Amino acid sequence: MPRETLFEFHRIGAFVKVTAIDAETGVEVSIVGPASANEALLSANARRKLDAALRRRDNGSA
């Protein structure tokens, strides 16, 4: 079953900061992209980074 992920979008001038948060563990990561980028693309990139962080966490490495 896929994990629930929460996304926050904060526009900062010409950029947008996207934070992805794993609802179960509270692990969060952020990316920054152009404000003109598609929201789905930014979400997918943040989700990939979150997945990598969760794998590192589960494998015991920093």
N, C-alpha and C. Protein backbone atom coordinates (compact mmCIF):
# COMPACT_ATOMS: atom_id res chain seq x y z
N MET A 1 0.85 -1.18 0.00
CA MET A 1 0.00 0.00 0.00
C MET A 1 0.89 1.24 0.00
N PRO A 2 0.60 2.22 -0.85
CA PRO A 2 1.42 3.44 -0.90
C PRO A 2 1.32 4.23 0.40
N ARG A 3 2.41 4.88 0.72
CA ARG A 3 2.45 5.71 1.93
C ARG A 3 1.77 7.04 1.65
N GLU A 4 1.10 7.57 2.67
CA GLU A 4 0.47 8.89 2.54
C GLU A 4 1.56 9.95 2.62
N THR A 5 1.55 10.87 1.67
CA THR A 5 2.52 11.94 1.62
C THR A 5 1.80 13.28 1.60
N LEU A 6 2.25 14.19 2.45
CA LEU A 6 1.71 15.55 2.48
C LEU A 6 2.69 16.46 1.76
N PHE A 7 2.17 17.41 0.99
CA PHE A 7 3.01 18.35 0.26
C PHE A 7 2.67 19.77 0.67
N GLU A 8 3.70 20.58 0.83
CA GLU A 8 3.54 22.01 1.10
C GLU A 8 4.26 22.76 -0.01
N PHE A 9 3.62 23.79 -0.55
CA PHE A 9 4.20 24.62 -1.60
C PHE A 9 4.31 26.04 -1.09
N HIS A 10 5.51 26.61 -1.16
CA HIS A 10 5.75 27.99 -0.73
C HIS A 10 6.47 28.72 -1.85
N ARG A 11 5.77 29.69 -2.44
CA ARG A 11 6.40 30.48 -3.50
C ARG A 11 7.30 31.54 -2.88
N ILE A 12 8.51 31.61 -3.43
CA ILE A 12 9.51 32.58 -2.98
C ILE A 12 10.04 33.26 -4.24
N GLY A 13 9.43 34.37 -4.62
CA GLY A 13 9.82 35.06 -5.84
C GLY A 13 9.61 34.20 -7.06
N ALA A 14 10.68 33.96 -7.81
CA ALA A 14 10.60 33.17 -9.04
C ALA A 14 10.71 31.67 -8.79
N PHE A 15 10.78 31.28 -7.51
CA PHE A 15 10.96 29.88 -7.16
C PHE A 15 9.84 29.40 -6.25
N VAL A 16 9.72 28.08 -6.16
CA VAL A 16 8.78 27.49 -5.23
C VAL A 16 9.52 26.40 -4.44
N LYS A 17 9.33 26.43 -3.14
CA LYS A 17 9.90 25.41 -2.26
C LYS A 17 8.80 24.38 -2.01
N VAL A 18 9.11 23.12 -2.28
CA VAL A 18 8.16 22.04 -2.07
C VAL A 18 8.69 21.15 -0.96
N THR A 19 7.89 20.96 0.07
CA THR A 19 8.24 20.07 1.17
C THR A 19 7.33 18.85 1.10
N ALA A 20 7.92 17.67 1.13
CA ALA A 20 7.17 16.41 1.14
C ALA A 20 7.36 15.79 2.52
N ILE A 21 6.25 15.39 3.14
CA ILE A 21 6.27 14.85 4.50
C ILE A 21 5.60 13.49 4.50
N ASP A 22 6.29 12.49 5.03
CA ASP A 22 5.70 11.17 5.18
C ASP A 22 4.77 11.21 6.39
N ALA A 23 3.49 10.95 6.19
CA ALA A 23 2.50 11.08 7.25
C ALA A 23 2.74 10.10 8.40
N GLU A 24 3.29 8.95 8.12
CA GLU A 24 3.49 7.93 9.16
C GLU A 24 4.69 8.23 10.06
N THR A 25 5.80 8.66 9.45
CA THR A 25 7.04 8.82 10.20
C THR A 25 7.39 10.26 10.52
N GLY A 26 6.80 11.19 9.78
CA GLY A 26 7.14 12.60 9.96
C GLY A 26 8.43 13.01 9.27
N VAL A 27 9.05 12.09 8.54
CA VAL A 27 10.26 12.42 7.79
C VAL A 27 9.87 13.42 6.70
N GLU A 28 10.68 14.46 6.55
CA GLU A 28 10.38 15.45 5.52
C GLU A 28 11.63 15.84 4.76
N VAL A 29 11.41 16.19 3.50
CA VAL A 29 12.48 16.67 2.62
C VAL A 29 11.94 17.86 1.85
N SER A 30 12.84 18.67 1.32
CA SER A 30 12.43 19.83 0.52
C SER A 30 13.23 19.89 -0.76
N ILE A 31 12.60 20.44 -1.78
CA ILE A 31 13.26 20.76 -3.04
C ILE A 31 12.87 22.18 -3.41
N VAL A 32 13.63 22.77 -4.31
CA VAL A 32 13.31 24.10 -4.84
C VAL A 32 13.31 24.00 -6.35
N GLY A 33 12.29 24.59 -6.96
CA GLY A 33 12.19 24.59 -8.42
C GLY A 33 11.63 25.91 -8.90
N PRO A 34 11.60 26.08 -10.21
CA PRO A 34 11.04 27.33 -10.76
C PRO A 34 9.54 27.41 -10.51
N ALA A 35 9.06 28.61 -10.23
CA ALA A 35 7.64 28.80 -9.96
C ALA A 35 6.80 28.47 -11.19
N SER A 36 7.40 28.51 -12.36
CA SER A 36 6.67 28.19 -13.59
C SER A 36 6.53 26.69 -13.84
N ALA A 37 7.19 25.86 -13.04
CA ALA A 37 7.15 24.41 -13.24
C ALA A 37 5.78 23.85 -12.88
N ASN A 38 5.45 22.75 -13.51
CA ASN A 38 4.20 22.05 -13.27
C ASN A 38 4.19 21.48 -11.84
N GLU A 39 3.08 21.69 -11.13
CA GLU A 39 2.97 21.22 -9.75
C GLU A 39 3.15 19.70 -9.64
N ALA A 40 2.64 18.96 -10.61
CA ALA A 40 2.78 17.50 -10.59
C ALA A 40 4.24 17.08 -10.70
N LEU A 41 5.00 17.78 -11.54
CA LEU A 41 6.42 17.48 -11.69
C LEU A 41 7.18 17.77 -10.40
N LEU A 42 6.90 18.92 -9.80
CA LEU A 42 7.56 19.27 -8.53
C LEU A 42 7.21 18.26 -7.44
N SER A 43 5.94 17.86 -7.37
CA SER A 43 5.51 16.87 -6.37
C SER A 43 6.23 15.54 -6.59
N ALA A 44 6.32 15.12 -7.84
CA ALA A 44 6.98 13.84 -8.15
C ALA A 44 8.45 13.88 -7.75
N ASN A 45 9.12 15.00 -8.03
CA ASN A 45 10.53 15.12 -7.65
C ASN A 45 10.70 15.10 -6.14
N ALA A 46 9.83 15.80 -5.43
CA ALA A 46 9.90 15.80 -3.96
C ALA A 46 9.62 14.41 -3.42
N ARG A 47 8.67 13.71 -4.02
CA ARG A 47 8.33 12.36 -3.57
C ARG A 47 9.51 11.40 -3.76
N ARG A 48 10.20 11.53 -4.91
CA ARG A 48 11.38 10.67 -5.15
C ARG A 48 12.46 10.93 -4.10
N LYS A 49 12.66 12.20 -3.75
CA LYS A 49 13.65 12.53 -2.73
C LYS A 49 13.22 11.97 -1.38
N LEU A 50 11.93 12.05 -1.06
CA LEU A 50 11.42 11.49 0.19
C LEU A 50 11.60 9.98 0.22
N ASP A 51 11.29 9.31 -0.89
CA ASP A 51 11.47 7.85 -0.96
C ASP A 51 12.93 7.48 -0.69
N ALA A 52 13.87 8.24 -1.25
CA ALA A 52 15.29 7.97 -1.03
C ALA A 52 15.65 8.18 0.44
N ALA A 53 15.12 9.22 1.05
CA ALA A 53 15.40 9.49 2.47
C ALA A 53 14.85 8.37 3.34
N LEU A 54 13.68 7.87 3.01
CA LEU A 54 13.09 6.78 3.79
C LEU A 54 13.88 5.49 3.62
N ARG A 55 14.39 5.23 2.40
CA ARG A 55 15.22 4.04 2.20
C ARG A 55 16.50 4.14 3.01
N ARG A 56 17.14 5.34 3.00
CA ARG A 56 18.36 5.52 3.81
C ARG A 56 18.06 5.30 5.29
N ARG A 57 16.93 5.85 5.74
CA ARG A 57 16.54 5.71 7.15
C ARG A 57 16.32 4.24 7.50
N ASP A 58 15.63 3.52 6.63
CA ASP A 58 15.33 2.11 6.88
C ASP A 58 16.58 1.23 6.82
N ASN A 59 17.58 1.66 6.05
CA ASN A 59 18.82 0.90 5.94
C ASN A 59 19.83 1.27 7.01
N GLY A 60 19.48 2.26 7.84
CA GLY A 60 20.35 2.62 8.95
C GLY A 60 21.49 3.55 8.61
N SER A 61 21.49 4.12 7.41
CA SER A 61 22.55 5.06 7.07
C SER A 61 22.00 6.48 7.07
N ALA A 62 22.88 7.44 7.22
CA ALA A 62 22.46 8.84 7.32
C ALA A 62 22.21 9.48 6.00
